[in-house]
Amino acid sequence: MPITSHYDQAQQALVIAIDQQFDFSMHQAFKEAYSQIDNSQSTHYIIDLANTTYMDSSALGMILLLREHALASDGKVTIKAPSDSVLKVLEIAQFQKLIDIQR
């Protein structure tokens, strides 16, 4: 499955893992992954990109929509373990200024 999600009790966060490509075809599944949980349950979202090999500009937009969703309830978004090529896309878009990126 290209997108999986689970609630991590230890981190008190919803973890969304994306395998292979993160592009427009993932839009609905990505939105469903973070919409399935009530903001009162979690306001911290972790996007796990450890197995993501490709990301396009629509994926950047989806991350920004998640950030907006999180900020509506004083939450935050963290991007975890991006590959070098995915990190380059994030850095070109200067996402490090908006979102915590953990290598």
PDB file of N, CA and C in Angstrom:
ATOM      1  N   MET A   1       0.846  -1.182   0.000  1.00  0.00           N
ATOM      2  CA  MET A   1       0.000   0.000   0.000  1.00  0.00           C
ATOM      3  C   MET A   1       0.892   1.246   0.000  1.00  0.00           C
ATOM      4  N   PRO A   2       0.659   2.165  -0.905  1.00  0.00           N
ATOM      5  CA  PRO A   2       1.540   3.336  -1.015  1.00  0.00           C
ATOM      6  C   PRO A   2       1.496   4.277   0.185  1.00  0.00           C
ATOM      7  N   ILE A   3       0.355   4.390   0.861  1.00  0.00           N
ATOM      8  CA  ILE A   3       0.254   5.257   2.035  1.00  0.00           C
ATOM      9  C   ILE A   3      -0.346   4.449   3.183  1.00  0.00           C
ATOM     10  N   THR A   4       0.362   4.477   4.308  1.00  0.00           N
ATOM     11  CA  THR A   4      -0.155   3.854   5.518  1.00  0.00           C
ATOM     12  C   THR A   4      -0.091   4.882   6.636  1.00  0.00           C
ATOM     13  N   SER A   5      -0.950   4.709   7.611  1.00  0.00           N
ATOM     14  CA  SER A   5      -0.912   5.627   8.746  1.00  0.00           C
ATOM     15  C   SER A   5      -1.255   4.874  10.018  1.00  0.00           C
ATOM     16  N   HIS A   6      -0.688   5.359  11.113  1.00  0.00           N
ATOM     17  CA  HIS A   6      -0.984   4.795  12.429  1.00  0.00           C
ATOM     18  C   HIS A   6      -0.703   5.854  13.481  1.00  0.00           C
ATOM     19  N   TYR A   7      -1.360   5.704  14.607  1.00  0.00           N
ATOM     20  CA  TYR A   7      -1.127   6.633  15.707  1.00  0.00           C
ATOM     21  C   TYR A   7      -0.016   6.076  16.581  1.00  0.00           C
ATOM     22  N   ASP A   8       1.027   6.869  16.806  1.00  0.00           N
ATOM     23  CA  ASP A   8       2.164   6.478  17.639  1.00  0.00           C
ATOM     24  C   ASP A   8       1.968   7.084  19.027  1.00  0.00           C
ATOM     25  N   GLN A   9       1.639   6.233  19.988  1.00  0.00           N
ATOM     26  CA  GLN A   9       1.383   6.693  21.356  1.00  0.00           C
ATOM     27  C   GLN A   9       2.598   7.376  21.955  1.00  0.00           C
ATOM     28  N   ALA A  10       3.780   6.804  21.745  1.00  0.00           N
ATOM     29  CA  ALA A  10       5.005   7.344  22.346  1.00  0.00           C
ATOM     30  C   ALA A  10       5.264   8.776  21.896  1.00  0.00           C
ATOM     31  N   GLN A  11       5.035   9.039  20.612  1.00  0.00           N
ATOM     32  CA  GLN A  11       5.281  10.379  20.069  1.00  0.00           C
ATOM     33  C   GLN A  11       4.027  11.246  20.095  1.00  0.00           C
ATOM     34  N   GLN A  12       2.912  10.635  20.446  1.00  0.00           N
ATOM     35  CA  GLN A  12       1.618  11.306  20.419  1.00  0.00           C
ATOM     36  C   GLN A  12       1.415  12.004  19.078  1.00  0.00           C
ATOM     37  N   ALA A  13       1.577  11.205  18.025  1.00  0.00           N
ATOM     38  CA  ALA A  13       1.505  11.748  16.672  1.00  0.00           C
ATOM     39  C   ALA A  13       0.886  10.738  15.722  1.00  0.00           C
ATOM     40  N   LEU A  14       0.242  11.263  14.700  1.00  0.00           N
ATOM     41  CA  LEU A  14      -0.217  10.424  13.606  1.00  0.00           C
ATOM     42  C   LEU A  14       0.935  10.330  12.613  1.00  0.00           C
ATOM     43  N   VAL A  15       1.387   9.115  12.353  1.00  0.00           N
ATOM     44  CA  VAL A  15       2.493   8.891  11.426  1.00  0.00           C
ATOM     45  C   VAL A  15       1.909   8.455  10.087  1.00  0.00           C
ATOM     46  N   ILE A  16       2.257   9.186   9.040  1.00  0.00           N
ATOM     47  CA  ILE A  16       1.815   8.873   7.684  1.00  0.00           C
ATOM     48  C   ILE A  16       3.054   8.481   6.893  1.00  0.00           C
ATOM     49  N   ALA A  17       3.116   7.220   6.480  1.00  0.00           N
ATOM     50  CA  ALA A  17       4.270   6.718   5.726  1.00  0.00           C
ATOM     51  C   ALA A  17       3.896   6.617   4.251  1.00  0.00           C
ATOM     52  N   ILE A  18       4.792   7.109   3.409  1.00  0.00           N
ATOM     53  CA  ILE A  18       4.545   7.117   1.972  1.00  0.00           C
ATOM     54  C   ILE A  18       5.632   6.308   1.288  1.00  0.00           C
ATOM     55  N   ASP A  19       5.217   5.278   0.563  1.00  0.00           N
ATOM     56  CA  ASP A  19       6.158   4.425  -0.159  1.00  0.00           C
ATOM     57  C   ASP A  19       6.249   4.856  -1.616  1.00  0.00           C
ATOM     58  N   GLN A  20       7.426   4.720  -2.153  1.00  0.00           N
ATOM     59  CA  GLN A  20       7.723   4.965  -3.559  1.00  0.00           C
ATOM     60  C   GLN A  20       7.482   6.406  -3.970  1.00  0.00           C
ATOM     61  N   GLN A  21       6.439   6.661  -4.765  1.00  0.00           N
ATOM     62  CA  GLN A  21       6.236   7.997  -5.321  1.00  0.00           C
ATOM     63  C   GLN A  21       5.168   8.770  -4.553  1.00  0.00           C
ATOM     64  N   PHE A  22       5.467  10.034  -4.295  1.00  0.00           N
ATOM     65  CA  PHE A  22       4.511  10.935  -3.646  1.00  0.00           C
ATOM     66  C   PHE A  22       4.160  11.992  -4.683  1.00  0.00           C
ATOM     67  N   ASP A  23       3.034  11.788  -5.357  1.00  0.00           N
ATOM     68  CA  ASP A  23       2.626  12.694  -6.426  1.00  0.00           C
ATOM     69  C   ASP A  23       1.109  12.877  -6.389  1.00  0.00           C
ATOM     70  N   PHE A  24       0.582  13.534  -7.398  1.00  0.00           N
ATOM     71  CA  PHE A  24      -0.842  13.879  -7.409  1.00  0.00           C
ATOM     72  C   PHE A  24      -1.749  12.664  -7.265  1.00  0.00           C
ATOM     73  N   SER A  25      -1.324  11.517  -7.753  1.00  0.00           N
ATOM     74  CA  SER A  25      -2.161  10.319  -7.664  1.00  0.00           C
ATOM     75  C   SER A  25      -2.426   9.909  -6.212  1.00  0.00           C
ATOM     76  N   MET A  26      -1.645  10.436  -5.282  1.00  0.00           N
ATOM     77  CA  MET A  26      -1.791  10.111  -3.859  1.00  0.00           C
ATOM     78  C   MET A  26      -2.699  11.097  -3.115  1.00  0.00           C
ATOM     79  N   HIS A  27      -3.206  12.099  -3.804  1.00  0.00           N
ATOM     80  CA  HIS A  27      -3.951  13.180  -3.151  1.00  0.00           C
ATOM     81  C   HIS A  27      -5.059  12.674  -2.232  1.00  0.00           C
ATOM     82  N   GLN A  28      -5.965  11.869  -2.757  1.00  0.00           N
ATOM     83  CA  GLN A  28      -7.111  11.410  -1.965  1.00  0.00           C
ATOM     84  C   GLN A  28      -6.663  10.542  -0.797  1.00  0.00           C
ATOM     85  N   ALA A  29      -5.764   9.605  -1.043  1.00  0.00           N
ATOM     86  CA  ALA A  29      -5.292   8.710   0.024  1.00  0.00           C
ATOM     87  C   ALA A  29      -4.563   9.483   1.115  1.00  0.00           C
ATOM     88  N   PHE A  30      -3.792  10.500   0.727  1.00  0.00           N
ATOM     89  CA  PHE A  30      -3.065  11.304   1.709  1.00  0.00           C
ATOM     90  C   PHE A  30      -4.044  12.080   2.589  1.00  0.00           C
ATOM     91  N   LYS A  31      -5.030  12.694   1.959  1.00  0.00           N
ATOM     92  CA  LYS A  31      -6.024  13.458   2.729  1.00  0.00           C
ATOM     93  C   LYS A  31      -6.795  12.544   3.678  1.00  0.00           C
ATOM     94  N   GLU A  32      -7.169  11.371   3.201  1.00  0.00           N
ATOM     95  CA  GLU A  32      -7.883  10.420   4.050  1.00  0.00           C
ATOM     96  C   GLU A  32      -7.019   9.970   5.225  1.00  0.00           C
ATOM     97  N   ALA A  33      -5.721   9.849   5.007  1.00  0.00           N
ATOM     98  CA  ALA A  33      -4.817   9.391   6.067  1.00  0.00           C
ATOM     99  C   ALA A  33      -4.814  10.341   7.252  1.00  0.00           C
ATOM    100  N   TYR A  34      -4.833  11.647   6.992  1.00  0.00           N
ATOM    101  CA  TYR A  34      -4.815  12.575   8.124  1.00  0.00           C
ATOM    102  C   TYR A  34      -6.208  13.021   8.562  1.00  0.00           C
ATOM    103  N   SER A  35      -7.199  12.820   7.728  1.00  0.00           N
ATOM    104  CA  SER A  35      -8.560  13.215   8.097  1.00  0.00           C
ATOM    105  C   SER A  35      -9.249  12.159   8.953  1.00  0.00           C
ATOM    106  N   GLN A  36      -8.684  10.963   8.986  1.00  0.00           N
ATOM    107  CA  GLN A  36      -9.310   9.870   9.727  1.00  0.00           C
ATOM    108  C   GLN A  36      -9.265  10.072  11.237  1.00  0.00           C
ATOM    109  N   ILE A  37      -8.406  10.956  11.688  1.00  0.00           N
ATOM    110  CA  ILE A  37      -8.236  11.164  13.120  1.00  0.00           C
ATOM    111  C   ILE A  37      -8.700  12.573  13.478  1.00  0.00           C
ATOM    112  N   ASP A  38      -9.387  12.683  14.564  1.00  0.00           N
ATOM    113  CA  ASP A  38      -9.908  13.965  15.036  1.00  0.00           C
ATOM    114  C   ASP A  38      -8.756  14.825  15.547  1.00  0.00           C
ATOM    115  N   ASN A  39      -8.797  16.119  15.262  1.00  0.00           N
ATOM    116  CA  ASN A  39      -7.741  17.028  15.731  1.00  0.00           C
ATOM    117  C   ASN A  39      -7.612  17.035  17.247  1.00  0.00           C
ATOM    118  N   SER A  40      -8.661  16.649  17.952  1.00  0.00           N
ATOM    119  CA  SER A  40      -8.552  16.605  19.410  1.00  0.00           C
ATOM    120  C   SER A  40      -7.713  15.414  19.860  1.00  0.00           C
ATOM    121  N   GLN A  41      -7.580  14.401  18.998  1.00  0.00           N
ATOM    122  CA  GLN A  41      -6.759  13.237  19.318  1.00  0.00           C
ATOM    123  C   GLN A  41      -5.290  13.505  19.027  1.00  0.00           C
ATOM    124  N   SER A  42      -5.025  14.168  17.921  1.00  0.00           N
ATOM    125  CA  SER A  42      -3.639  14.416  17.542  1.00  0.00           C
ATOM    126  C   SER A  42      -3.530  15.725  16.790  1.00  0.00           C
ATOM    127  N   THR A  43      -2.564  16.515  17.184  1.00  0.00           N
ATOM    128  CA  THR A  43      -2.273  17.730  16.436  1.00  0.00           C
ATOM    129  C   THR A  43      -0.839  17.698  15.929  1.00  0.00           C
ATOM    130  N   HIS A  44      -0.164  16.565  16.141  1.00  0.00           N
ATOM    131  CA  HIS A  44       1.187  16.384  15.623  1.00  0.00           C
ATOM    132  C   HIS A  44       1.123  15.312  14.543  1.00  0.00           C
ATOM    133  N   TYR A  45       1.641  15.653  13.392  1.00  0.00           N
ATOM    134  CA  TYR A  45       1.633  14.746  12.252  1.00  0.00           C
ATOM    135  C   TYR A  45       3.067  14.538  11.797  1.00  0.00           C
ATOM    136  N   ILE A  46       3.446  13.287  11.603  1.00  0.00           N
ATOM    137  CA  ILE A  46       4.779  12.952  11.108  1.00  0.00           C
ATOM    138  C   ILE A  46       4.611  12.321   9.735  1.00  0.00           C
ATOM    139  N   ILE A  47       5.257  12.909   8.736  1.00  0.00           N
ATOM    140  CA  ILE A  47       5.247  12.343   7.392  1.00  0.00           C
ATOM    141  C   ILE A  47       6.554  11.578   7.236  1.00  0.00           C
ATOM    142  N   ASP A  48       6.459  10.262   7.188  1.00  0.00           N
ATOM    143  CA  ASP A  48       7.633   9.397   7.085  1.00  0.00           C
ATOM    144  C   ASP A  48       7.940   9.156   5.606  1.00  0.00           C
ATOM    145  N   LEU A  49       9.048   9.729   5.158  1.00  0.00           N
ATOM    146  CA  LEU A  49       9.436   9.623   3.747  1.00  0.00           C
ATOM    147  C   LEU A  49      10.629   8.687   3.546  1.00  0.00           C
ATOM    148  N   ALA A  50      10.881   7.814   4.497  1.00  0.00           N
ATOM    149  CA  ALA A  50      12.039   6.917   4.420  1.00  0.00           C
ATOM    150  C   ALA A  50      12.017   6.047   3.165  1.00  0.00           C
ATOM    151  N   ASN A  51      10.829   5.667   2.703  1.00  0.00           N
ATOM    152  CA  ASN A  51      10.718   4.803   1.524  1.00  0.00           C
ATOM    153  C   ASN A  51      10.191   5.536   0.297  1.00  0.00           C
ATOM    154  N   THR A  52      10.235   6.860   0.341  1.00  0.00           N
ATOM    155  CA  THR A  52       9.757   7.664  -0.781  1.00  0.00           C
ATOM    156  C   THR A  52      10.927   7.963  -1.710  1.00  0.00           C
ATOM    157  N   THR A  53      10.773   7.602  -2.975  1.00  0.00           N
ATOM    158  CA  THR A  53      11.857   7.787  -3.941  1.00  0.00           C
ATOM    159  C   THR A  53      11.656   8.993  -4.843  1.00  0.00           C
ATOM    160  N   TYR A  54      10.434   9.498  -4.915  1.00  0.00           N
ATOM    161  CA  TYR A  54      10.131  10.606  -5.825  1.00  0.00           C
ATOM    162  C   TYR A  54       9.038  11.473  -5.210  1.00  0.00           C
ATOM    163  N   MET A  55       9.184  12.780  -5.371  1.00  0.00           N
ATOM    164  CA  MET A  55       8.172  13.724  -4.898  1.00  0.00           C
ATOM    165  C   MET A  55       8.043  14.842  -5.921  1.00  0.00           C
ATOM    166  N   ASP A  56       6.804  15.206  -6.265  1.00  0.00           N
ATOM    167  CA  ASP A  56       6.617  16.311  -7.201  1.00  0.00           C
ATOM    168  C   ASP A  56       5.985  17.508  -6.490  1.00  0.00           C
ATOM    169  N   SER A  57       5.712  18.551  -7.248  1.00  0.00           N
ATOM    170  CA  SER A  57       5.203  19.791  -6.652  1.00  0.00           C
ATOM    171  C   SER A  57       3.814  19.621  -6.045  1.00  0.00           C
ATOM    172  N   SER A  58       3.014  18.711  -6.575  1.00  0.00           N
ATOM    173  CA  SER A  58       1.695  18.502  -5.973  1.00  0.00           C
ATOM    174  C   SER A  58       1.830  17.898  -4.576  1.00  0.00           C
ATOM    175  N   ALA A  59       2.856  17.103  -4.351  1.00  0.00           N
ATOM    176  CA  ALA A  59       3.111  16.562  -3.011  1.00  0.00           C
ATOM    177  C   ALA A  59       3.455  17.693  -2.046  1.00  0.00           C
ATOM    178  N   LEU A  60       4.195  18.671  -2.526  1.00  0.00           N
ATOM    179  CA  LEU A  60       4.507  19.831  -1.685  1.00  0.00           C
ATOM    180  C   LEU A  60       3.220  20.543  -1.277  1.00  0.00           C
ATOM    181  N   GLY A  61       2.316  20.682  -2.225  1.00  0.00           N
ATOM    182  CA  GLY A  61       1.025  21.303  -1.926  1.00  0.00           C
ATOM    183  C   GLY A  61       0.228  20.507  -0.906  1.00  0.00           C
ATOM    184  N   MET A  62       0.269  19.187  -1.012  1.00  0.00           N
ATOM    185  CA  MET A  62      -0.446  18.341  -0.053  1.00  0.00           C
ATOM    186  C   MET A  62       0.131  18.499   1.351  1.00  0.00           C
ATOM    187  N   ILE A  63       1.449  18.610   1.439  1.00  0.00           N
ATOM    188  CA  ILE A  63       2.089  18.810   2.743  1.00  0.00           C
ATOM    189  C   ILE A  63       1.658  20.154   3.328  1.00  0.00           C
ATOM    190  N   LEU A  64       1.570  21.171   2.481  1.00  0.00           N
ATOM    191  CA  LEU A  64       1.120  22.483   2.963  1.00  0.00           C
ATOM    192  C   LEU A  64      -0.330  22.443   3.441  1.00  0.00           C
ATOM    193  N   LEU A  65      -1.174  21.672   2.772  1.00  0.00           N
ATOM    194  CA  LEU A  65      -2.561  21.521   3.226  1.00  0.00           C
ATOM    195  C   LEU A  65      -2.615  20.829   4.583  1.00  0.00           C
ATOM    196  N   LEU A  66      -1.763  19.820   4.778  1.00  0.00           N
ATOM    197  CA  LEU A  66      -1.697  19.159   6.077  1.00  0.00           C
ATOM    198  C   LEU A  66      -1.203  20.133   7.142  1.00  0.00           C
ATOM    199  N   ARG A  67      -0.220  20.945   6.804  1.00  0.00           N
ATOM    200  CA  ARG A  67       0.294  21.945   7.752  1.00  0.00           C
ATOM    201  C   ARG A  67      -0.824  22.904   8.164  1.00  0.00           C
ATOM    202  N   GLU A  68      -1.603  23.355   7.191  1.00  0.00           N
ATOM    203  CA  GLU A  68      -2.727  24.256   7.474  1.00  0.00           C
ATOM    204  C   GLU A  68      -3.744  23.572   8.393  1.00  0.00           C
ATOM    205  N   HIS A  69      -4.022  22.316   8.118  1.00  0.00           N
ATOM    206  CA  HIS A  69      -4.934  21.515   8.939  1.00  0.00           C
ATOM    207  C   HIS A  69      -4.405  21.414  10.372  1.00  0.00           C
ATOM    208  N   ALA A  70      -3.122  21.153  10.519  1.00  0.00           N
ATOM    209  CA  ALA A  70      -2.510  21.023  11.848  1.00  0.00           C
ATOM    210  C   ALA A  70      -2.509  22.356  12.590  1.00  0.00           C
ATOM    211  N   LEU A  71      -2.144  23.422  11.891  1.00  0.00           N
ATOM    212  CA  LEU A  71      -2.069  24.735  12.534  1.00  0.00           C
ATOM    213  C   LEU A  71      -3.429  25.231  13.014  1.00  0.00           C
ATOM    214  N   ALA A  72      -4.491  24.757  12.395  1.00  0.00           N
ATOM    215  CA  ALA A  72      -5.838  25.160  12.805  1.00  0.00           C
ATOM    216  C   ALA A  72      -6.132  24.758  14.247  1.00  0.00           C
ATOM    217  N   SER A  73      -5.398  23.763  14.743  1.00  0.00           N
ATOM    218  CA  SER A  73      -5.578  23.335  16.140  1.00  0.00           C
ATOM    219  C   SER A  73      -4.248  23.397  16.894  1.00  0.00           C
ATOM    220  N   ASP A  74      -3.424  24.395  16.537  1.00  0.00           N
ATOM    221  CA  ASP A  74      -2.119  24.610  17.171  1.00  0.00           C
ATOM    222  C   ASP A  74      -1.216  23.390  17.080  1.00  0.00           C
ATOM    223  N   GLY A  75      -1.299  22.672  15.990  1.00  0.00           N
ATOM    224  CA  GLY A  75      -0.490  21.480  15.795  1.00  0.00           C
ATOM    225  C   GLY A  75       0.764  21.750  15.000  1.00  0.00           C
ATOM    226  N   LYS A  76       1.432  20.667  14.640  1.00  0.00           N
ATOM    227  CA  LYS A  76       2.650  20.798  13.850  1.00  0.00           C
ATOM    228  C   LYS A  76       2.823  19.588  12.951  1.00  0.00           C
ATOM    229  N   VAL A  77       3.669  19.760  11.953  1.00  0.00           N
ATOM    230  CA  VAL A  77       4.004  18.699  11.011  1.00  0.00           C
ATOM    231  C   VAL A  77       5.512  18.519  11.029  1.00  0.00           C
ATOM    232  N   THR A  78       5.938  17.270  11.041  1.00  0.00           N
ATOM    233  CA  THR A  78       7.353  16.933  10.961  1.00  0.00           C
ATOM    234  C   THR A  78       7.547  16.005   9.774  1.00  0.00           C
ATOM    235  N   ILE A  79       8.577  16.265   8.990  1.00  0.00           N
ATOM    236  CA  ILE A  79       8.943  15.368   7.899  1.00  0.00           C
ATOM    237  C   ILE A  79      10.130  14.552   8.381  1.00  0.00           C
ATOM    238  N   LYS A  80      10.017  13.234   8.257  1.00  0.00           N
ATOM    239  CA  LYS A  80      11.022  12.330   8.803  1.00  0.00           C
ATOM    240  C   LYS A  80      11.703  11.524   7.696  1.00  0.00           C
ATOM    241  N   ALA A  81      13.014  11.469   7.757  1.00  0.00           N
ATOM    242  CA  ALA A  81      13.860  10.569   6.966  1.00  0.00           C
ATOM    243  C   ALA A  81      13.722  10.681   5.447  1.00  0.00           C
ATOM    244  N   PRO A  82      13.714  11.892   4.887  1.00  0.00           N
ATOM    245  CA  PRO A  82      13.648  11.973   3.424  1.00  0.00           C
ATOM    246  C   PRO A  82      14.960  11.499   2.795  1.00  0.00           C
ATOM    247  N   SER A  83      14.854  10.873   1.632  1.00  0.00           N
ATOM    248  CA  SER A  83      16.056  10.487   0.885  1.00  0.00           C
ATOM    249  C   SER A  83      16.747  11.753   0.392  1.00  0.00           C
ATOM    250  N   ASP A  84      17.955  11.614  -0.111  1.00  0.00           N
ATOM    251  CA  ASP A  84      18.691  12.779  -0.608  1.00  0.00           C
ATOM    252  C   ASP A  84      17.933  13.500  -1.719  1.00  0.00           C
ATOM    253  N   SER A  85      17.351  12.731  -2.648  1.00  0.00           N
ATOM    254  CA  SER A  85      16.646  13.366  -3.772  1.00  0.00           C
ATOM    255  C   SER A  85      15.369  14.069  -3.305  1.00  0.00           C
ATOM    256  N   VAL A  86      14.661  13.476  -2.361  1.00  0.00           N
ATOM    257  CA  VAL A  86      13.449  14.100  -1.827  1.00  0.00           C
ATOM    258  C   VAL A  86      13.819  15.319  -0.985  1.00  0.00           C
ATOM    259  N   LEU A  87      14.884  15.213  -0.214  1.00  0.00           N
ATOM    260  CA  LEU A  87      15.342  16.346   0.589  1.00  0.00           C
ATOM    261  C   LEU A  87      15.703  17.530  -0.305  1.00  0.00           C
ATOM    262  N   LYS A  88      16.296  17.245  -1.447  1.00  0.00           N
ATOM    263  CA  LYS A  88      16.670  18.317  -2.376  1.00  0.00           C
ATOM    264  C   LYS A  88      15.422  19.078  -2.844  1.00  0.00           C
ATOM    265  N   VAL A  89      14.349  18.355  -3.150  1.00  0.00           N
ATOM    266  CA  VAL A  89      13.088  18.991  -3.558  1.00  0.00           C
ATOM    267  C   VAL A  89      12.559  19.867  -2.424  1.00  0.00           C
ATOM    268  N   LEU A  90      12.592  19.340  -1.207  1.00  0.00           N
ATOM    269  CA  LEU A  90      12.113  20.100  -0.044  1.00  0.00           C
ATOM    270  C   LEU A  90      12.951  21.354   0.184  1.00  0.00           C
ATOM    271  N   GLU A  91      14.260  21.231   0.015  1.00  0.00           N
ATOM    272  CA  GLU A  91      15.146  22.378   0.229  1.00  0.00           C
ATOM    273  C   GLU A  91      14.987  23.438  -0.856  1.00  0.00           C
ATOM    274  N   ILE A  92      14.801  23.013  -2.094  1.00  0.00           N
ATOM    275  CA  ILE A  92      14.587  23.969  -3.183  1.00  0.00           C
ATOM    276  C   ILE A  92      13.328  24.793  -2.911  1.00  0.00           C
ATOM    277  N   ALA A  93      12.307  24.125  -2.365  1.00  0.00           N
ATOM    278  CA  ALA A  93      11.055  24.814  -2.025  1.00  0.00           C
ATOM    279  C   ALA A  93      11.139  25.516  -0.668  1.00  0.00           C
ATOM    280  N   GLN A  94      12.277  25.416  -0.018  1.00  0.00           N
ATOM    281  CA  GLN A  94      12.551  26.039   1.284  1.00  0.00           C
ATOM    282  C   GLN A  94      11.567  25.599   2.367  1.00  0.00           C
ATOM    283  N   PHE A  95      11.214  24.340   2.336  1.00  0.00           N
ATOM    284  CA  PHE A  95      10.292  23.797   3.332  1.00  0.00           C
ATOM    285  C   PHE A  95      10.894  23.770   4.727  1.00  0.00           C
ATOM    286  N   GLN A  96      12.206  23.778   4.828  1.00  0.00           N
ATOM    287  CA  GLN A  96      12.843  23.776   6.148  1.00  0.00           C
ATOM    288  C   GLN A  96      12.483  25.031   6.941  1.00  0.00           C
ATOM    289  N   LYS A  97      12.007  26.067   6.255  1.00  0.00           N
ATOM    290  CA  LYS A  97      11.582  27.291   6.945  1.00  0.00           C
ATOM    291  C   LYS A  97      10.173  27.159   7.521  1.00  0.00           C
ATOM    292  N   LEU A  98       9.416  26.183   7.025  1.00  0.00           N
ATOM    293  CA  LEU A  98       8.023  26.014   7.428  1.00  0.00           C
ATOM    294  C   LEU A  98       7.775  24.791   8.298  1.00  0.00           C
ATOM    295  N   ILE A  99       8.565  23.757   8.047  1.00  0.00           N
ATOM    296  CA  ILE A  99       8.308  22.451   8.651  1.00  0.00           C
ATOM    297  C   ILE A  99       9.615  21.866   9.163  1.00  0.00           C
ATOM    298  N   ASP A 100       9.549  21.225  10.322  1.00  0.00           N
ATOM    299  CA  ASP A 100      10.711  20.537  10.873  1.00  0.00           C
ATOM    300  C   ASP A 100      11.025  19.318  10.001  1.00  0.00           C
ATOM    301  N   ILE A 101      12.253  19.249   9.512  1.00  0.00           N
ATOM    302  CA  ILE A 101      12.689  18.118   8.695  1.00  0.00           C
ATOM    303  C   ILE A 101      13.768  17.376   9.469  1.00  0.00           C
ATOM    304  N   GLN A 102      13.495  16.110   9.765  1.00  0.00           N
ATOM    305  CA  GLN A 102      14.440  15.280  10.513  1.00  0.00           C
ATOM    306  C   GLN A 102      15.084  14.275   9.581  1.00  0.00           C
ATOM    307  N   ARG A 103      16.415  14.346   9.517  1.00  0.00           N
ATOM    308  CA  ARG A 103      17.163  13.402   8.684  1.00  0.00           C
ATOM    309  C   ARG A 103      17.299  12.131   9.457  1.00  0.00           C
TER     310      ARG A 103
END
